[in-house]
C-alpha atoms as a PDB file:
ATOM      1  CA  UNK A   1      27.978   4.440  31.525  1.00  0.00           C
ATOM      2  CA  UNK A   2      24.343   3.358  31.289  1.00  0.00           C
ATOM      3  CA  UNK A   3      23.161   6.905  32.048  1.00  0.00           C
ATOM      4  CA  UNK A   4      25.462   8.311  29.350  1.00  0.00           C
ATOM      5  CA  UNK A   5      24.132   5.798  26.821  1.00  0.00           C
ATOM      6  CA  UNK A   6      20.541   6.698  27.644  1.00  0.00           C
ATOM      7  CA  UNK A   7      21.340  10.402  27.290  1.00  0.00           C
ATOM      8  CA  UNK A   8      22.950   9.763  23.898  1.00  0.00           C
ATOM      9  CA  UNK A   9      19.939   7.749  22.752  1.00  0.00           C
ATOM     10  CA  UNK A  10      17.574  10.505  23.906  1.00  0.00           C
ATOM     11  CA  UNK A  11      19.511  13.113  21.902  1.00  0.00           C
ATOM     12  CA  UNK A  12      19.653  10.777  18.892  1.00  0.00           C
ATOM     13  CA  UNK A  13      15.875  10.356  18.893  1.00  0.00           C
ATOM     14  CA  UNK A  14      15.003  14.003  19.527  1.00  0.00           C
ATOM     15  CA  UNK A  15      17.276  15.244  16.728  1.00  0.00           C
ATOM     16  CA  UNK A  16      16.360  12.591  14.170  1.00  0.00           C
ATOM     17  CA  UNK A  17      14.092  13.149  11.190  1.00  0.00           C
ATOM     18  CA  UNK A  18      10.826  11.164  11.110  1.00  0.00           C
ATOM     19  CA  UNK A  19      12.390   8.684   8.647  1.00  0.00           C
ATOM     20  CA  UNK A  20      15.435   8.289  10.900  1.00  0.00           C
ATOM     21  CA  UNK A  21      13.132   7.604  13.850  1.00  0.00           C
ATOM     22  CA  UNK A  22      11.467   4.832  11.835  1.00  0.00           C
ATOM     23  CA  UNK A  23      14.923   3.374  11.105  1.00  0.00           C
ATOM     24  CA  UNK A  24      15.749   3.500  14.833  1.00  0.00           C
ATOM     25  CA  UNK A  25      12.460   1.746  15.615  1.00  0.00           C
ATOM     26  CA  UNK A  26      13.200  -1.001  13.102  1.00  0.00           C
ATOM     27  CA  UNK A  27      16.721  -1.389  14.511  1.00  0.00           C
ATOM     28  CA  UNK A  28      15.289  -1.728  18.018  1.00  0.00           C
ATOM     29  CA  UNK A  29      12.576  -4.105  16.839  1.00  0.00           C
ATOM     30  CA  UNK A  30      15.132  -6.330  15.142  1.00  0.00           C
ATOM     31  CA  UNK A  31      17.486  -6.181  18.129  1.00  0.00           C
ATOM     32  CA  UNK A  32      14.737  -7.221  20.579  1.00  0.00           C
ATOM     33  CA  UNK A  33      13.611 -10.050  18.297  1.00  0.00           C
ATOM     34  CA  UNK A  34      17.189 -11.350  17.970  1.00  0.00           C
ATOM     35  CA  UNK A  35      17.519 -11.168  21.757  1.00  0.00           C
ATOM     36  CA  UNK A  36      14.251 -13.086  22.151  1.00  0.00           C
ATOM     37  CA  UNK A  37      15.337 -15.686  19.611  1.00  0.00           C
ATOM     38  CA  UNK A  38      18.613 -16.281  21.464  1.00  0.00           C
ATOM     39  CA  UNK A  39      16.770 -16.476  24.769  1.00  0.00           C
ATOM     40  CA  UNK A  40      14.312 -19.035  23.391  1.00  0.00           C
ATOM     41  CA  UNK A  41      17.206 -21.047  22.000  1.00  0.00           C
ATOM     42  CA  UNK A  42      18.868 -20.951  25.450  1.00  0.00           C
ATOM     43  CA  UNK A  43      15.585 -21.882  27.185  1.00  0.00           C
ATOM     44  CA  UNK A  44      15.587 -18.523  28.994  1.00  0.00           C
ATOM     45  CA  UNK A  45      11.894 -17.974  28.476  1.00  0.00           C
ATOM     46  CA  UNK A  46      11.460 -15.052  30.891  1.00  0.00           C
ATOM     47  CA  UNK A  47      14.175 -13.129  29.023  1.00  0.00           C
ATOM     48  CA  UNK A  48      12.521 -14.015  25.711  1.00  0.00           C
ATOM     49  CA  UNK A  49       9.187 -12.751  27.007  1.00  0.00           C
ATOM     50  CA  UNK A  50      10.730  -9.482  28.159  1.00  0.00           C
ATOM     51  CA  UNK A  51      12.406  -8.904  24.792  1.00  0.00           C
ATOM     52  CA  UNK A  52       9.222  -9.785  22.902  1.00  0.00           C
ATOM     53  CA  UNK A  53       7.205  -7.392  25.081  1.00  0.00           C
ATOM     54  CA  UNK A  54       9.561  -4.618  23.951  1.00  0.00           C
ATOM     55  CA  UNK A  55       9.287  -5.750  20.329  1.00  0.00           C
ATOM     56  CA  UNK A  56       5.481  -5.713  20.561  1.00  0.00           C
ATOM     57  CA  UNK A  57       5.576  -2.198  22.043  1.00  0.00           C
ATOM     58  CA  UNK A  58       7.567  -1.037  19.019  1.00  0.00           C
ATOM     59  CA  UNK A  59       5.136  -2.736  16.637  1.00  0.00           C
ATOM     60  CA  UNK A  60       2.232  -0.970  18.382  1.00  0.00           C
ATOM     61  CA  UNK A  61       4.078   2.341  18.017  1.00  0.00           C
ATOM     62  CA  UNK A  62       4.678   1.656  14.319  1.00  0.00           C
ATOM     63  CA  UNK A  63       0.980   0.885  13.838  1.00  0.00           C
ATOM     64  CA  UNK A  64      -0.043   4.019  15.720  1.00  0.00           C
ATOM     65  CA  UNK A  65       2.289   6.162  13.621  1.00  0.00           C
ATOM     66  CA  UNK A  66       0.726   5.155  10.291  1.00  0.00           C
ATOM     67  CA  UNK A  67      -0.991   8.042   8.524  1.00  0.00           C
ATOM     68  CA  UNK A  68      -3.636   6.828   6.095  1.00  0.00           C
ATOM     69  CA  UNK A  69      -3.906  10.318   4.578  1.00  0.00           C
ATOM     70  CA  UNK A  70      -0.393  10.041   3.127  1.00  0.00           C
ATOM     71  CA  UNK A  71      -0.796   6.776   1.228  1.00  0.00           C
ATOM     72  CA  UNK A  72      -3.785   4.611   2.206  1.00  0.00           C
ATOM     73  CA  UNK A  73      -2.670   1.599   0.171  1.00  0.00           C
ATOM     74  CA  UNK A  74       0.830   1.573   1.680  1.00  0.00           C
ATOM     75  CA  UNK A  75      -0.361   2.126   5.229  1.00  0.00           C
ATOM     76  CA  UNK A  76      -2.930  -0.664   4.873  1.00  0.00           C
ATOM     77  CA  UNK A  77      -0.182  -3.000   3.681  1.00  0.00           C
ATOM     78  CA  UNK A  78       2.144  -2.000   6.534  1.00  0.00           C
ATOM     79  CA  UNK A  79      -0.664  -2.350   9.093  1.00  0.00           C
ATOM     80  CA  UNK A  80      -1.406  -5.903   7.878  1.00  0.00           C
ATOM     81  CA  UNK A  81       2.291  -6.758   7.990  1.00  0.00           C
ATOM     82  CA  UNK A  82       2.736  -5.346  11.516  1.00  0.00           C
ATOM     83  CA  UNK A  83      -0.264  -7.320  12.778  1.00  0.00           C
ATOM     84  CA  UNK A  84       1.101 -10.441  11.067  1.00  0.00           C
ATOM     85  CA  UNK A  85       4.487  -9.911  12.726  1.00  0.00           C
ATOM     86  CA  UNK A  86       2.817  -9.482  16.095  1.00  0.00           C
ATOM     87  CA  UNK A  87       0.822 -12.701  15.712  1.00  0.00           C
ATOM     88  CA  UNK A  88       3.851 -14.594  14.364  1.00  0.00           C
ATOM     89  CA  UNK A  89       6.024 -13.473  17.276  1.00  0.00           C
ATOM     90  CA  UNK A  90       3.423 -14.667  19.778  1.00  0.00           C
ATOM     91  CA  UNK A  91       3.111 -17.960  17.937  1.00  0.00           C
ATOM     92  CA  UNK A  92       6.892 -18.389  17.730  1.00  0.00           C
ATOM     93  CA  UNK A  93       7.222 -17.696  21.450  1.00  0.00           C
ATOM     94  CA  UNK A  94       4.586 -20.262  22.350  1.00  0.00           C
ATOM     95  CA  UNK A  95       5.836 -22.936  19.971  1.00  0.00           C
ATOM     96  CA  UNK A  96       9.523 -21.982  20.395  1.00  0.00           C
ATOM     97  CA  UNK A  97       9.795 -21.969  16.612  1.00  0.00           C
ATOM     98  CA  UNK A  98      13.245 -20.554  15.821  1.00  0.00           C
ATOM     99  CA  UNK A  99      12.769 -20.941  12.068  1.00  0.00           C
ATOM    100  CA  UNK A 100       9.726 -18.673  12.178  1.00  0.00           C
ATOM    101  CA  UNK A 101      11.652 -16.212  14.351  1.00  0.00           C
ATOM    102  CA  UNK A 102      14.440 -16.180  11.761  1.00  0.00           C
ATOM    103  CA  UNK A 103      11.947 -15.461   8.970  1.00  0.00           C
ATOM    104  CA  UNK A 104      10.367 -12.571  10.891  1.00  0.00           C
ATOM    105  CA  UNK A 105      13.759 -11.120  11.796  1.00  0.00           C
ATOM    106  CA  UNK A 106      14.833 -11.254   8.154  1.00  0.00           C
ATOM    107  CA  UNK A 107      11.659  -9.441   7.080  1.00  0.00           C
ATOM    108  CA  UNK A 108      12.256  -6.769   9.722  1.00  0.00           C
ATOM    109  CA  UNK A 109      15.877  -6.332   8.654  1.00  0.00           C
ATOM    110  CA  UNK A 110      14.873  -6.074   5.021  1.00  0.00           C
ATOM    111  CA  UNK A 111      12.229  -3.442   5.655  1.00  0.00           C
ATOM    112  CA  UNK A 112      14.529  -1.585   8.053  1.00  0.00           C
ATOM    113  CA  UNK A 113      17.222  -1.503   5.373  1.00  0.00           C
ATOM    114  CA  UNK A 114      14.699  -0.129   2.877  1.00  0.00           C
ATOM    115  CA  UNK A 115      13.747   2.637   5.327  1.00  0.00           C
ATOM    116  CA  UNK A 116      17.435   3.348   5.976  1.00  0.00           C
ATOM    117  CA  UNK A 117      18.103   3.692   2.245  1.00  0.00           C
ATOM    118  CA  UNK A 118      15.032   5.896   1.737  1.00  0.00           C
ATOM    119  CA  UNK A 119      16.079   8.079   4.673  1.00  0.00           C
ATOM    120  CA  UNK A 120      19.606   8.474   3.304  1.00  0.00           C
ATOM    121  CA  UNK A 121      18.254   9.257  -0.168  1.00  0.00           C
ATOM    122  CA  UNK A 122      15.889  11.897   1.238  1.00  0.00           C
ATOM    123  CA  UNK A 123      18.711  13.405   3.273  1.00  0.00           C
ATOM    124  CA  UNK A 124      20.999  13.526   0.227  1.00  0.00           C
ATOM    125  CA  UNK A 125      18.267  15.207  -1.810  1.00  0.00           C
ATOM    126  CA  UNK A 126      17.658  17.741   0.952  1.00  0.00           C
ATOM    127  CA  UNK A 127      14.125  16.611   1.697  1.00  0.00           C
END
């Protein structure tokens, strides 16, 4: 089953539009942060660290995918936010601050939902 899931995910990513890929990244980022939050709450710190490593890898990918030529003001804002999330996740892991984790997760969900809506709007308009 695991191999079938990975194959499905590979097809999903390779056939997705750039906006859909961003949505998938945000979904994964949120999922890993929720996993880390639950692990911290359960005092399973190795599991939390593993999930946060994956979340940080996604944040790095999001930073690397920013194109300043498209909209320098927006990309600068997103870059600052991604760096802030990265620092906040490290801080939350060290201090085991679940409230801060909840705030970060909510921000990620909110931005992911905005990307999802923009992607659906672009798809509906044929862009």
